Amino acid sequence: MDEARFAARWHELRHDVQRQWNRVTDEELDRVQGDPDVLIGILMEKYEEPRRAVELQVKRLAERQTQIGAG
């Protein structure tokens, strides 16, 4: 995942993250500040999923958002 692109699009991604993972609080999302590793850690903790599974889900979400933004 391109971390610079993720950080640049975090504002838009944040809304998608809230829709997809509704257990994540606003305060937790504030902590992310565009850092995908922080988001992955929060999601792993909240949903008790392995890192690789969460990374893939976040990557897919970011790729979808990038395609939408480019379209």
Protein backbone atom coordinates (compact mmCIF):
# COMPACT_ATOMS: atom_id res chain seq x y z
CA MET A 1 0.00 0.00 0.00
CA ASP A 2 1.33 3.42 -0.91
CA GLU A 3 1.48 5.17 2.46
CA ALA A 4 1.84 8.65 0.96
CA ARG A 5 -1.30 8.19 -1.12
CA PHE A 6 -3.12 6.75 1.87
CA ALA A 7 -2.18 9.77 3.98
CA ALA A 8 -3.18 12.20 1.23
CA ARG A 9 -6.61 10.61 0.89
CA TRP A 10 -7.20 9.88 4.56
CA HIS A 11 -10.06 12.39 4.83
CA GLU A 12 -12.06 10.51 2.17
CA LEU A 13 -10.94 7.08 3.38
CA ARG A 14 -12.01 7.85 6.92
CA HIS A 15 -15.68 7.93 5.89
CA ASP A 16 -15.34 4.58 4.10
CA VAL A 17 -13.60 3.10 7.14
CA GLN A 18 -16.47 4.26 9.36
CA ARG A 19 -18.99 2.59 7.05
CA GLN A 20 -17.08 -0.68 6.72
CA TRP A 21 -15.89 -1.00 10.34
CA ASN A 22 -18.59 0.59 12.47
CA ARG A 23 -17.05 -0.43 15.82
CA VAL A 24 -14.19 2.04 15.33
CA THR A 25 -14.79 5.28 17.22
CA ASP A 26 -14.17 8.82 16.04
CA GLU A 27 -11.43 9.14 18.65
CA GLU A 28 -9.66 6.07 17.27
CA LEU A 29 -9.93 7.43 13.74
CA ASP A 30 -8.48 10.73 14.95
CA ARG A 31 -5.42 8.78 16.13
CA VAL A 32 -4.83 7.37 12.65
CA GLN A 33 -3.86 10.74 11.15
CA GLY A 34 -3.28 9.13 7.76
CA ASP A 35 -1.02 6.33 9.03
CA PRO A 36 -2.20 2.96 7.68
CA ASP A 37 -0.24 1.03 10.34
CA VAL A 38 -2.17 2.77 13.12
CA LEU A 39 -5.47 1.97 11.38
CA ILE A 40 -4.45 -1.66 10.89
CA GLY A 41 -3.55 -1.97 14.57
CA ILE A 42 -6.89 -0.54 15.66
CA LEU A 43 -8.82 -2.85 13.33
CA MET A 44 -6.84 -5.91 14.46
CA GLU A 45 -7.67 -5.10 18.07
CA LYS A 46 -11.35 -4.30 17.51
CA TYR A 47 -12.14 -7.19 15.20
CA GLU A 48 -9.59 -9.75 16.45
CA GLU A 49 -8.38 -10.53 12.95
CA PRO A 50 -4.83 -11.37 11.85
CA ARG A 51 -2.67 -8.54 10.53
CA ARG A 52 -2.50 -9.90 6.97
CA ALA A 53 -6.28 -10.12 6.66
CA VAL A 54 -6.73 -6.56 7.90
CA GLU A 55 -3.94 -5.26 5.65
CA LEU A 56 -5.65 -6.77 2.61
CA GLN A 57 -9.01 -5.25 3.54
CA VAL A 58 -7.49 -1.81 4.09
CA LYS A 59 -5.52 -2.08 0.85
CA ARG A 60 -8.69 -2.94 -1.11
CA LEU A 61 -10.55 -0.05 0.47
CA ALA A 62 -7.73 2.37 -0.35
CA GLU A 63 -7.50 1.11 -3.93
CA ARG A 64 -11.25 1.54 -4.42
CA GLN A 65 -11.06 5.09 -3.07
CA THR A 66 -8.11 5.88 -5.36
CA GLN A 67 -10.06 4.60 -8.38
CA ILE A 68 -13.10 6.65 -7.39
CA GLY A 69 -10.96 9.76 -6.89
CA ALA A 70 -9.27 9.30 -10.25
CA GLY A 71 -12.54 8.70 -12.08
